């Protein structure tokens, strides 16, 4: 608000909540640090789990940072921005979301202390940008090139990702499944984990019963005992609408002059439905997958035509079938043609009483299914998240061919090199670069803390050993500093570089904000009882 004479001039809407200067910066930094503190205890192989219960009472038990942040109902805009950065980390690298968020919180904590001593936020932004570029260069020089055909090394990478996520008892088996799946879907040096690998969860058995299936497995069976259980050279039709004989409802209004007219009307309905069924059979399809209802009348004719049919498939199953077989989702039976059919070399229901159908042998797609088994729904949900991370990190190494030692080794390497680099930089940016190095050290510090080790002693040992052993990292079982490469504890280069980028970008975004306008939440207007929507007759 400004004034001219005695007349006030309103510039900013008074209904908006405004915070400026250091108050805005402090509030934004505090909210970002709060997000980091939530996931900080989950970092590393010994990280703790979080239990989240939604409004329906469903429980999610995990230490996966991406899942935790996704399930949280965050209100503050800066905190939401940190969550978005974490989602970007998950999308690009497949893992490392907790590391990115913890590092972002540490960067802002260091920045806040420097701001309190008189360093301007823009100086910090410049210093952080310089440090990011240097850190990425250091990591690239530090990285080790691996052969994508080295399955043993890829299994070590998968196992590193799996460790600490409540599935170590079957870590080697799950790691091998990940690597086999990546090799199976590889095409011209690239892998598409999200589309070519399908997860099917099945409660029953143990983690050790989890298996990799060449093709698609859906939890459905043929709808009639006389339908074929095995079809070679399957021509597949995907129907996304009801296949039911719509009989006249008793509440419908139909003006007829005689019983004969009513009978004729019903006969016409039946004839129309029969025409639709005949159109399906005439396409040449020998397998029908329907996302909705198929009534017994239709099933009779499919059985007579020696066709396989099943119904009420999930949307995810229909999407995967469409992608893999090349079939088009048909929503209007009257408009379909033989061009809408997809192809699979084999459809098979191995056991007549097993509610599972396998579809294999696609022309172009390389779809694989991981059948996840466990003793409870919570176990299978957790294993699915474990596979999601492990598959993406193996894919990253397969595509990039670059790894770095784990156990905090790469963070110590970057931090020490940044401190050396800072000494060559003039001006206050030097302070920002040193702060950046200390923030990167927050990762091995947090891992040590979550393992129950003395944080100061651990960092001192890591720094000391790193001078003579470049791959020195923390042994989470003993607290000793050992060679991570010899232990087979390695991480994808992509995860580390993207974590630094994500953390730096989020910190810079927060530091550049000095004015915050936020609309106030408005209460709903009081409504007279007679105008309340719940009092209207909706029939």
Protein backbone atom coordinates (compact mmCIF):
# COMPACT_ATOMS: atom_id res chain seq x y z
CA UNK A 1 0.00 0.00 0.00
CA UNK A 2 1.31 3.46 -0.92
CA UNK A 3 -0.12 6.94 -0.37
CA UNK A 4 -0.64 10.06 -2.46
CA UNK A 5 -1.63 12.96 -0.29
CA UNK A 6 -4.14 11.54 2.12
CA UNK A 7 -5.41 8.89 -0.30
CA UNK A 8 -4.05 5.34 0.11
CA UNK A 9 -3.11 3.49 -3.09
CA UNK A 10 -3.62 -0.26 -2.85
CA UNK A 11 -1.04 -2.15 -4.94
CA UNK A 12 -1.29 -5.65 -3.49
CA UNK A 13 -4.60 -7.37 -2.88
CA UNK A 14 -5.09 -7.07 0.91
CA UNK A 15 -6.72 -10.51 0.95
CA UNK A 16 -3.32 -12.06 0.13
CA UNK A 17 -0.81 -12.96 2.80
CA UNK A 18 2.53 -11.31 2.03
CA UNK A 19 5.94 -12.16 3.49
CA UNK A 20 9.04 -10.28 2.35
CA UNK A 21 12.80 -10.11 2.78
CA UNK A 22 14.58 -12.30 5.30
CA UNK A 23 11.28 -13.41 6.80
CA UNK A 24 10.22 -14.96 3.48
CA UNK A 25 13.64 -16.57 3.00
CA UNK A 26 13.76 -17.95 6.54
CA UNK A 27 10.26 -19.38 6.27
CA UNK A 28 11.01 -21.07 2.94
CA UNK A 29 14.30 -22.50 4.19
CA UNK A 30 12.59 -23.81 7.32
CA UNK A 31 9.90 -25.59 5.29
CA UNK A 32 12.49 -27.20 2.98
CA UNK A 33 14.55 -28.34 5.97
CA UNK A 34 11.40 -29.80 7.53
CA UNK A 35 10.83 -32.00 4.48
CA UNK A 36 14.46 -33.13 4.59
CA UNK A 37 14.20 -33.97 8.30
CA UNK A 38 11.21 -36.25 7.63
CA UNK A 39 13.09 -38.53 5.22
CA UNK A 40 16.56 -38.13 6.72
CA UNK A 41 16.23 -41.11 9.07
CA UNK A 42 15.40 -43.40 6.11
CA UNK A 43 18.71 -42.80 4.33
CA UNK A 44 21.10 -45.69 3.87
CA UNK A 45 20.91 -49.47 4.34
CA UNK A 46 20.13 -49.09 8.04
CA UNK A 47 17.51 -46.38 7.57
CA UNK A 48 14.27 -46.56 9.51
CA UNK A 49 10.82 -47.11 7.98
CA UNK A 50 7.84 -44.75 7.94
CA UNK A 51 4.26 -45.90 8.44
CA UNK A 52 1.60 -43.86 6.66
CA UNK A 53 -2.13 -44.41 7.03
CA UNK A 54 -4.45 -42.75 4.53
CA UNK A 55 -8.02 -41.57 5.06
CA UNK A 56 -9.33 -45.03 4.10
CA UNK A 57 -7.15 -46.73 6.70
CA UNK A 58 -4.77 -48.27 4.14
CA UNK A 59 -1.24 -48.66 5.51
CA UNK A 60 1.98 -47.95 3.62
CA UNK A 61 5.15 -49.14 5.35
CA UNK A 62 8.36 -48.12 3.59
CA UNK A 63 11.70 -46.32 3.76
CA UNK A 64 11.59 -45.37 0.08
CA UNK A 65 11.91 -41.59 -0.08
CA UNK A 66 9.89 -41.19 -3.28
CA UNK A 67 6.95 -43.14 -1.82
CA UNK A 68 7.04 -41.24 1.48
CA UNK A 69 7.03 -37.84 -0.22
CA UNK A 70 4.31 -38.92 -2.62
CA UNK A 71 2.04 -40.12 0.20
CA UNK A 72 2.50 -37.01 2.34
CA UNK A 73 -0.16 -34.31 2.19
CA UNK A 74 2.14 -31.27 2.01
CA UNK A 75 0.65 -27.78 2.10
CA UNK A 76 3.54 -25.30 2.09
CA UNK A 77 4.46 -24.19 -1.47
CA UNK A 78 8.23 -24.38 -0.91
CA UNK A 79 7.92 -27.87 0.56
CA UNK A 80 5.86 -28.87 -2.48
CA UNK A 81 8.66 -27.56 -4.69
CA UNK A 82 11.17 -29.79 -2.89
CA UNK A 83 8.86 -32.75 -3.45
CA UNK A 84 8.66 -31.93 -7.18
CA UNK A 85 12.46 -31.89 -7.39
CA UNK A 86 12.48 -35.32 -5.74
CA UNK A 87 10.00 -36.60 -8.33
CA UNK A 88 12.30 -35.35 -11.08
CA UNK A 89 15.17 -37.27 -9.45
CA UNK A 90 13.03 -40.42 -9.42
CA UNK A 91 12.00 -39.98 -13.06
CA UNK A 92 15.51 -39.39 -14.42
CA UNK A 93 17.67 -41.61 -12.20
CA UNK A 94 15.15 -44.04 -10.68
CA UNK A 95 16.67 -43.74 -7.21
CA UNK A 96 18.40 -41.25 -4.92
CA UNK A 97 15.36 -39.17 -3.99
CA UNK A 98 16.18 -39.26 -0.27
CA UNK A 99 19.77 -38.24 -0.99
CA UNK A 100 18.62 -35.31 -3.13
CA UNK A 101 16.19 -34.04 -0.48
CA UNK A 102 18.65 -34.44 2.40
CA UNK A 103 21.35 -32.66 0.41
CA UNK A 104 18.95 -29.83 -0.48
CA UNK A 105 18.09 -29.40 3.19
CA UNK A 106 21.80 -29.31 4.09
CA UNK A 107 22.56 -26.74 1.37
CA UNK A 108 19.83 -24.45 2.67
CA UNK A 109 20.93 -24.93 6.28
CA UNK A 110 24.50 -23.90 5.36
CA UNK A 111 23.15 -20.99 3.31
CA UNK A 112 21.04 -19.71 6.21
CA UNK A 113 24.08 -19.59 8.49
CA UNK A 114 26.08 -17.64 5.89
CA UNK A 115 23.20 -15.22 5.30
CA UNK A 116 23.12 -14.51 9.03
CA UNK A 117 26.80 -13.47 8.82
CA UNK A 118 26.05 -11.00 6.04
CA UNK A 119 26.53 -12.99 2.82
CA UNK A 120 23.96 -12.02 0.18
CA UNK A 121 21.75 -14.84 -1.21
CA UNK A 122 22.76 -13.99 -4.80
CA UNK A 123 26.42 -14.56 -3.89
CA UNK A 124 25.39 -17.97 -2.53
CA UNK A 125 23.48 -18.73 -5.71
CA UNK A 126 26.56 -17.96 -7.80
CA UNK A 127 28.81 -20.00 -5.52
CA UNK A 128 26.43 -22.96 -5.50
CA UNK A 129 26.22 -22.87 -9.30
CA UNK A 130 30.02 -22.90 -9.58
CA UNK A 131 30.23 -25.74 -7.05
CA UNK A 132 27.62 -27.79 -8.93
CA UNK A 133 29.53 -27.58 -12.21
CA UNK A 134 32.78 -28.50 -10.50
CA UNK A 135 31.19 -31.37 -8.54
CA UNK A 136 29.75 -32.91 -11.72
CA UNK A 137 33.15 -32.66 -13.40
CA UNK A 138 34.82 -34.32 -10.39
CA UNK A 139 32.28 -37.16 -10.39
CA UNK A 140 32.70 -37.81 -14.11
CA UNK A 141 36.49 -38.06 -13.67
CA UNK A 142 36.03 -40.27 -10.62
CA UNK A 143 33.55 -42.65 -12.31
CA UNK A 144 34.53 -46.14 -13.41
CA UNK A 145 33.57 -47.52 -16.82
CA UNK A 146 31.90 -50.94 -16.75
CA UNK A 147 31.00 -53.41 -19.47
CA UNK A 148 27.22 -53.71 -19.88
CA UNK A 149 27.69 -57.43 -20.52
CA UNK A 150 29.21 -57.85 -17.04
CA UNK A 151 26.15 -59.36 -15.37
CA UNK A 152 28.02 -59.89 -12.10
CA UNK A 153 28.70 -56.16 -11.77
CA UNK A 154 25.09 -55.30 -12.68
CA UNK A 155 23.88 -57.69 -9.98
CA UNK A 156 26.10 -55.92 -7.44
CA UNK A 157 24.52 -52.60 -8.43
CA UNK A 158 21.03 -54.04 -8.03
CA UNK A 159 21.97 -55.58 -4.69
CA UNK A 160 23.27 -52.23 -3.41
CA UNK A 161 19.91 -50.66 -4.23
CA UNK A 162 17.99 -53.54 -2.61
CA UNK A 163 20.03 -53.53 0.63
CA UNK A 164 18.19 -51.85 3.49
CA UNK A 165 14.72 -52.20 1.97
CA UNK A 166 13.44 -55.16 3.98
CA UNK A 167 14.22 -57.75 1.31
CA UNK A 168 17.91 -58.55 1.92
CA UNK A 169 17.07 -62.20 2.65
CA UNK A 170 16.43 -62.69 -1.05
CA UNK A 171 18.72 -59.90 -2.27
CA UNK A 172 20.82 -62.04 -4.61
CA UNK A 173 17.77 -63.66 -6.20
CA UNK A 174 15.97 -60.33 -6.71
CA UNK A 175 19.14 -58.76 -8.11
CA UNK A 176 19.50 -61.58 -10.65
CA UNK A 177 15.85 -61.17 -11.69
CA UNK A 178 16.48 -57.45 -12.26
CA UNK A 179 19.52 -58.07 -14.45
CA UNK A 180 17.83 -60.86 -16.43
CA UNK A 181 14.83 -58.60 -17.03
CA UNK A 182 17.03 -55.73 -18.26
CA UNK A 183 18.87 -58.02 -20.68
CA UNK A 184 15.53 -59.37 -21.95
CA UNK A 185 14.02 -55.95 -22.78
CA UNK A 186 17.20 -54.32 -24.11
CA UNK A 187 16.94 -52.86 -27.61
CA UNK A 188 19.80 -51.07 -29.34
CA UNK A 189 21.49 -50.20 -26.06
CA UNK A 190 18.34 -48.73 -24.46
CA UNK A 191 15.85 -50.16 -21.98
CA UNK A 192 12.30 -49.06 -21.23
CA UNK A 193 11.61 -50.30 -17.72
CA UNK A 194 8.28 -48.52 -17.28
CA UNK A 195 6.61 -50.01 -20.36
CA UNK A 196 8.40 -53.29 -20.98
CA UNK A 197 8.37 -54.69 -17.44
CA UNK A 198 5.08 -55.52 -15.73
CA UNK A 199 4.69 -56.16 -12.00
CA UNK A 200 2.07 -58.67 -10.86
CA UNK A 201 1.64 -59.06 -7.09
CA UNK A 202 0.38 -62.29 -5.59
CA UNK A 203 -0.12 -62.84 -1.87
CA UNK A 204 0.99 -66.34 -0.95
CA UNK A 205 4.33 -68.07 -0.71
CA UNK A 206 7.53 -66.19 0.18
CA UNK A 207 9.83 -63.63 -1.39
CA UNK A 208 11.93 -66.53 -2.70
CA UNK A 209 8.98 -67.62 -4.88
CA UNK A 210 9.19 -64.37 -6.89
CA UNK A 211 9.92 -65.16 -10.52
CA UNK A 212 10.55 -63.61 -13.94
CA UNK A 213 8.13 -64.58 -16.71
CA UNK A 214 8.84 -64.14 -20.40
CA UNK A 215 5.65 -62.40 -21.51
CA UNK A 216 2.57 -61.19 -19.66
CA UNK A 217 0.84 -62.89 -16.75
CA UNK A 218 -2.67 -61.76 -15.82
CA UNK A 219 -4.68 -63.04 -12.86
CA UNK A 220 -7.61 -64.25 -14.95
CA UNK A 221 -8.81 -67.54 -16.37
CA UNK A 222 -11.00 -68.73 -19.22
CA UNK A 223 -14.65 -68.07 -18.38
CA UNK A 224 -15.92 -71.48 -19.50
CA UNK A 225 -14.52 -74.92 -18.75
CA UNK A 226 -14.86 -75.93 -22.42
CA UNK A 227 -12.90 -72.97 -23.73
CA UNK A 228 -9.35 -73.71 -24.96
CA UNK A 229 -6.55 -73.39 -22.36
CA UNK A 230 -3.83 -73.09 -25.00
CA UNK A 231 -3.95 -71.06 -28.21
CA UNK A 232 -1.02 -70.76 -30.60
CA UNK A 233 -0.78 -67.82 -33.01
CA UNK A 234 -3.39 -65.96 -30.99
CA UNK A 235 -5.36 -63.16 -32.63
CA UNK A 236 -6.34 -60.96 -29.72
CA UNK A 237 -9.28 -58.59 -29.44
CA UNK A 238 -9.36 -56.07 -26.58
CA UNK A 239 -12.85 -54.79 -25.77
CA UNK A 240 -13.34 -51.83 -23.44
CA UNK A 241 -17.13 -51.96 -23.18
CA UNK A 242 -19.86 -54.26 -21.88
CA UNK A 243 -20.76 -57.33 -23.92
CA UNK A 244 -24.23 -57.84 -22.46
CA UNK A 245 -27.68 -58.48 -23.84
CA UNK A 246 -29.50 -55.32 -22.72
CA UNK A 247 -33.03 -56.47 -21.92
CA UNK A 248 -35.84 -54.01 -21.46
CA UNK A 249 -36.03 -52.77 -17.87
CA UNK A 250 -39.37 -53.02 -16.05
CA UNK A 251 -39.14 -49.26 -15.37
CA UNK A 252 -38.68 -48.34 -19.03
CA UNK A 253 -41.56 -46.80 -20.96
CA UNK A 254 -42.46 -48.54 -24.21
CA UNK A 255 -45.62 -47.73 -26.11
CA UNK A 256 -46.91 -50.89 -27.75
CA UNK A 257 -50.34 -51.89 -28.97
CA UNK A 258 -50.03 -55.62 -28.43
CA UNK A 259 -48.01 -58.40 -26.88
CA UNK A 260 -46.77 -59.24 -30.35
CA UNK A 261 -45.10 -55.81 -30.66
CA UNK A 262 -43.34 -56.24 -27.32
CA UNK A 263 -42.11 -59.67 -28.41
CA UNK A 264 -40.89 -58.19 -31.71
CA UNK A 265 -39.03 -55.46 -29.83
CA UNK A 266 -37.27 -57.98 -27.62
CA UNK A 267 -36.41 -60.10 -30.62
CA UNK A 268 -34.89 -57.05 -32.30
CA UNK A 269 -32.77 -56.34 -29.20
CA UNK A 270 -31.58 -59.94 -29.27
CA UNK A 271 -30.84 -59.73 -32.99
CA UNK A 272 -28.78 -56.55 -32.51
CA UNK A 273 -26.74 -58.18 -29.78
CA UNK A 274 -26.25 -61.32 -31.88
CA UNK A 275 -25.02 -59.11 -34.71
CA UNK A 276 -22.36 -57.65 -32.40
CA UNK A 277 -21.20 -61.09 -31.28
CA UNK A 278 -21.04 -62.26 -34.88
CA UNK A 279 -18.95 -59.24 -35.81
CA UNK A 280 -16.44 -60.21 -33.11
CA UNK A 281 -16.27 -63.78 -34.41
CA UNK A 282 -15.98 -62.59 -38.03
CA UNK A 283 -12.85 -60.55 -37.26
CA UNK A 284 -10.99 -63.82 -36.94
CA UNK A 285 -10.18 -63.28 -33.27
CA UNK A 286 -9.58 -66.41 -31.22
CA UNK A 287 -9.09 -64.63 -27.87
CA UNK A 288 -11.19 -61.87 -26.31
CA UNK A 289 -10.07 -59.82 -23.32
CA UNK A 290 -12.76 -57.53 -21.94
CA UNK A 291 -12.35 -54.85 -19.26
CA UNK A 292 -16.04 -54.96 -18.36
CA UNK A 293 -18.88 -57.51 -18.39
CA UNK A 294 -19.41 -60.45 -20.71
CA UNK A 295 -22.73 -62.16 -20.13
CA UNK A 296 -23.37 -65.87 -20.39
CA UNK A 297 -25.24 -65.46 -23.67
CA UNK A 298 -22.08 -64.10 -25.33
CA UNK A 299 -19.90 -66.72 -23.66
CA UNK A 300 -21.96 -69.49 -25.20
CA UNK A 301 -21.16 -68.31 -28.73
CA UNK A 302 -17.47 -67.69 -27.93
CA UNK A 303 -17.25 -71.25 -26.62
CA UNK A 304 -18.94 -72.61 -29.75
CA UNK A 305 -16.41 -70.70 -31.86
CA UNK A 306 -13.57 -72.29 -29.82
CA UNK A 307 -12.42 -68.89 -28.54
CA UNK A 308 -10.73 -67.97 -25.27
CA UNK A 309 -12.54 -65.21 -23.35
CA UNK A 310 -12.12 -63.50 -20.00
CA UNK A 311 -13.53 -60.34 -18.44
CA UNK A 312 -13.11 -57.54 -15.89
CA UNK A 313 -9.43 -56.95 -16.59
CA UNK A 314 -7.75 -54.01 -14.87
CA UNK A 315 -7.00 -50.92 -16.92
CA UNK A 316 -3.28 -51.58 -16.42
CA UNK A 317 -3.65 -55.08 -17.90
CA UNK A 318 -5.52 -53.75 -20.92
CA UNK A 319 -2.87 -51.08 -21.50
CA UNK A 320 -0.02 -53.61 -21.30
CA UNK A 321 -1.83 -56.04 -23.61
CA UNK A 322 -2.45 -53.27 -26.13
CA UNK A 323 1.19 -52.14 -26.04
CA UNK A 324 2.61 -55.67 -26.29
CA UNK A 325 0.27 -57.29 -28.81
CA UNK A 326 -0.43 -54.23 -30.94
CA UNK A 327 -4.18 -54.58 -30.43
CA UNK A 328 -6.43 -51.53 -30.40
CA UNK A 329 -8.77 -50.97 -27.47
CA UNK A 330 -12.25 -51.32 -28.97
CA UNK A 331 -14.91 -49.14 -27.34
CA UNK A 332 -17.58 -49.54 -30.03
CA UNK A 333 -18.04 -53.08 -31.32
CA UNK A 334 -19.98 -51.85 -34.34
CA UNK A 335 -16.97 -49.90 -35.59
CA UNK A 336 -14.23 -52.51 -35.09
CA UNK A 337 -12.35 -54.24 -37.91
CA UNK A 338 -9.79 -57.03 -38.23
CA UNK A 339 -7.10 -54.31 -38.13
CA UNK A 340 -7.86 -53.84 -34.43
CA UNK A 341 -6.58 -57.33 -33.60
CA UNK A 342 -3.27 -57.91 -31.85
CA UNK A 343 -0.94 -60.90 -32.02
CA UNK A 344 0.75 -63.23 -29.54
CA UNK A 345 2.58 -66.45 -30.28
CA UNK A 346 0.93 -68.24 -27.36
CA UNK A 347 -1.89 -67.85 -24.84
CA UNK A 348 -1.77 -70.48 -22.14
CA UNK A 349 -3.48 -71.29 -18.88
CA UNK A 350 -1.13 -73.95 -17.57
CA UNK A 351 -3.42 -75.31 -14.85
CA UNK A 352 -7.13 -75.62 -15.49
CA UNK A 353 -7.84 -74.52 -11.91
CA UNK A 354 -5.17 -71.78 -11.78
CA UNK A 355 -6.47 -68.23 -12.04
CA UNK A 356 -3.57 -67.06 -14.19
CA UNK A 357 -3.17 -66.73 -17.95
CA UNK A 358 0.16 -66.27 -19.76
CA UNK A 359 0.51 -64.36 -23.02
CA UNK A 360 3.86 -64.78 -24.79
CA UNK A 361 5.61 -64.37 -28.11
CA UNK A 362 5.04 -60.82 -29.36
CA UNK A 363 6.12 -59.53 -32.76
CA UNK A 364 7.88 -56.35 -31.62
CA UNK A 365 7.42 -55.82 -27.87
CA UNK A 366 9.83 -57.35 -25.37
CA UNK A 367 7.44 -57.37 -22.42
CA UNK A 368 8.48 -59.29 -19.31
CA UNK A 369 6.49 -59.91 -16.11
CA UNK A 370 7.89 -60.05 -12.61
CA UNK A 371 5.54 -62.15 -10.48
CA UNK A 372 6.04 -60.73 -6.99
CA UNK A 373 5.12 -63.08 -4.16
CA UNK A 374 5.04 -62.55 -0.42
CA UNK A 375 3.26 -63.50 2.76
CA UNK A 376 1.09 -60.37 2.91
CA UNK A 377 -0.04 -57.44 0.84
CA UNK A 378 2.37 -55.12 2.68
CA UNK A 379 5.28 -57.41 1.79
CA UNK A 380 4.41 -57.58 -1.91
CA UNK A 381 3.88 -53.80 -2.05
CA UNK A 382 7.31 -53.26 -0.54
CA UNK A 383 9.00 -55.72 -2.91
CA UNK A 384 7.36 -53.97 -5.86
CA UNK A 385 8.93 -50.67 -4.73
CA UNK A 386 12.28 -52.42 -4.28
CA UNK A 387 12.12 -53.75 -7.84
CA UNK A 388 11.15 -50.33 -9.19
CA UNK A 389 14.32 -48.75 -7.75
CA UNK A 390 16.64 -51.66 -8.55
CA UNK A 391 15.46 -52.02 -12.15
CA UNK A 392 15.96 -48.31 -12.84
CA UNK A 393 19.48 -48.18 -11.38
CA UNK A 394 20.54 -51.25 -13.38
CA UNK A 395 19.01 -49.66 -16.48
CA UNK A 396 20.97 -46.45 -15.80
CA UNK A 397 24.27 -48.35 -15.61
CA UNK A 398 23.39 -50.46 -18.65
CA UNK A 399 22.75 -47.34 -20.72
CA UNK A 400 25.54 -45.11 -19.34
CA UNK A 401 28.20 -47.70 -18.51
CA UNK A 402 29.40 -45.64 -15.52
CA UNK A 403 29.50 -46.40 -11.78
CA UNK A 404 31.01 -44.87 -8.63
CA UNK A 405 31.94 -46.56 -5.34
CA UNK A 406 29.16 -46.46 -2.74
CA UNK A 407 29.19 -46.22 1.04
CA UNK A 408 29.84 -42.46 0.99
CA UNK A 409 33.08 -42.80 -1.00
CA UNK A 410 31.97 -40.61 -3.92
CA UNK A 411 30.59 -37.91 -1.59
CA UNK A 412 33.89 -37.68 0.32
CA UNK A 413 35.83 -37.54 -2.95
CA UNK A 414 33.70 -34.67 -4.25
CA UNK A 415 33.69 -32.79 -0.92
CA UNK A 416 37.47 -32.87 -0.55
CA UNK A 417 38.06 -31.83 -4.15
CA UNK A 418 35.57 -28.96 -3.78
CA UNK A 419 37.37 -27.65 -0.70
CA UNK A 420 40.62 -27.64 -2.67
CA UNK A 421 38.87 -25.88 -5.54
CA UNK A 422 37.35 -23.27 -3.18
CA UNK A 423 40.83 -22.11 -2.14
CA UNK A 424 41.44 -20.98 -5.73
CA UNK A 425 38.24 -18.90 -5.92
CA UNK A 426 38.34 -15.23 -4.95
CA UNK A 427 35.48 -13.44 -3.25
CA UNK A 428 32.70 -14.63 -1.00
CA UNK A 429 31.72 -17.31 -3.49
CA UNK A 430 34.52 -19.29 -1.82
CA UNK A 431 32.39 -19.53 1.30
CA UNK A 432 29.46 -20.89 -0.72
CA UNK A 433 31.64 -23.57 -2.35
CA UNK A 434 32.95 -24.72 1.04
CA UNK A 435 29.35 -24.81 2.31
CA UNK A 436 28.40 -26.90 -0.73
CA UNK A 437 31.19 -29.37 0.08
CA UNK A 438 30.03 -29.63 3.70
CA UNK A 439 26.45 -30.22 2.54
CA UNK A 440 27.56 -33.13 0.35
CA UNK A 441 29.30 -34.63 3.39
CA UNK A 442 25.90 -34.62 5.07
CA UNK A 443 25.09 -37.86 3.20
CA UNK A 444 27.85 -40.09 4.69
CA UNK A 445 27.28 -38.29 8.00
CA UNK A 446 23.59 -39.26 7.96
CA UNK A 447 24.33 -42.85 6.90
CA UNK A 448 26.73 -43.20 9.83
CA UNK A 449 24.19 -41.67 12.21
CA UNK A 450 21.43 -44.02 11.00
CA UNK A 451 23.79 -46.97 11.55
CA UNK A 452 24.38 -45.90 15.15
CA UNK A 453 28.05 -44.96 14.65
CA UNK A 454 29.84 -41.90 16.01
CA UNK A 455 29.40 -39.28 13.27
CA UNK A 456 32.53 -37.23 13.97
CA UNK A 457 34.87 -40.24 14.18
CA UNK A 458 33.37 -41.71 11.01
CA UNK A 459 33.90 -38.55 8.96
CA UNK A 460 37.46 -38.13 10.28
CA UNK A 461 38.28 -41.73 9.33
CA UNK A 462 36.71 -41.38 5.89
CA UNK A 463 38.66 -38.19 5.15
CA UNK A 464 41.91 -39.65 6.43
CA UNK A 465 41.66 -42.96 4.54
CA UNK A 466 40.50 -41.26 1.35
CA UNK A 467 43.93 -39.74 0.82
CA UNK A 468 45.46 -43.17 0.18
CA UNK A 469 42.33 -45.17 -0.76
CA UNK A 470 40.13 -43.34 -3.27
CA UNK A 471 37.36 -45.91 -2.99
CA UNK A 472 37.20 -45.73 0.81
CA UNK A 473 33.66 -45.97 2.17
CA UNK A 474 31.78 -46.94 5.29
CA UNK A 475 31.18 -50.58 6.22
CA UNK A 476 27.66 -50.37 7.68
CA UNK A 477 28.12 -53.52 9.76
CA UNK A 478 31.39 -52.74 11.53
CA UNK A 479 31.85 -49.00 11.08
CA UNK A 480 35.27 -49.57 9.49
CA UNK A 481 36.46 -47.69 6.42
CA UNK A 482 37.06 -50.21 3.60
CA UNK A 483 37.43 -50.38 -0.18
CA UNK A 484 33.92 -50.24 -1.62
CA UNK A 485 34.88 -51.70 -5.00
CA UNK A 486 36.35 -54.78 -3.36
CA UNK A 487 33.13 -55.16 -1.36
CA UNK A 488 31.04 -54.81 -4.51
CA UNK A 489 29.15 -51.77 -3.15
CA UNK A 490 28.65 -49.46 -6.11
CA UNK A 491 26.13 -46.90 -7.35
CA UNK A 492 25.21 -45.64 -10.82
CA UNK A 493 26.94 -42.39 -11.79
CA UNK A 494 23.57 -41.06 -13.02
CA UNK A 495 22.01 -41.32 -9.55
CA UNK A 496 24.83 -39.31 -7.94
CA UNK A 497 25.05 -36.59 -10.60
CA UNK A 498 21.29 -36.12 -10.73
CA UNK A 499 21.08 -35.92 -6.92
CA UNK A 500 23.59 -33.06 -6.95
CA UNK A 501 21.71 -31.31 -9.75
CA UNK A 502 18.34 -31.76 -8.07
CA UNK A 503 19.56 -30.58 -4.66
CA UNK A 504 21.40 -27.59 -6.09
CA UNK A 505 18.50 -26.49 -8.30
CA UNK A 506 16.00 -26.67 -5.44
CA UNK A 507 18.31 -24.75 -3.08
CA UNK A 508 18.93 -22.04 -5.67
CA UNK A 509 15.20 -21.68 -6.34
CA UNK A 510 14.53 -21.14 -2.63
CA UNK A 511 17.40 -18.68 -2.17
CA UNK A 512 16.18 -16.46 -5.02
CA UNK A 513 12.76 -15.85 -3.41
CA UNK A 514 12.53 -12.67 -1.29
CA UNK A 515 8.82 -11.93 -1.58
CA UNK A 516 5.96 -14.34 -1.13
CA UNK A 517 2.30 -13.65 -1.88
CA UNK A 518 -0.12 -16.29 -0.76
CA UNK A 519 -3.90 -16.23 -1.11
CA UNK A 520 -5.67 -16.65 2.20
CA UNK A 521 -7.93 -19.67 2.58
CA UNK A 522 -11.52 -18.56 2.38
CA UNK A 523 -14.19 -20.20 4.45
CA UNK A 524 -17.29 -21.34 2.57
CA UNK A 525 -20.17 -18.93 2.59
CA UNK A 526 -22.98 -19.79 4.98
CA UNK A 527 -25.90 -21.23 3.03
CA UNK A 528 -29.48 -21.34 4.15
CA UNK A 529 -30.53 -24.93 4.96
CA UNK A 530 -33.13 -24.98 2.22
CA UNK A 531 -30.42 -24.20 -0.37
CA UNK A 532 -27.95 -26.84 0.78
CA UNK A 533 -27.18 -29.23 -2.09
CA UNK A 534 -27.71 -32.24 0.19
CA UNK A 535 -31.35 -31.26 0.64
CA UNK A 536 -32.17 -31.45 -3.06
CA UNK A 537 -33.93 -34.49 -4.46
CA UNK A 538 -31.52 -35.88 -7.06
CA UNK A 539 -33.83 -38.62 -8.32
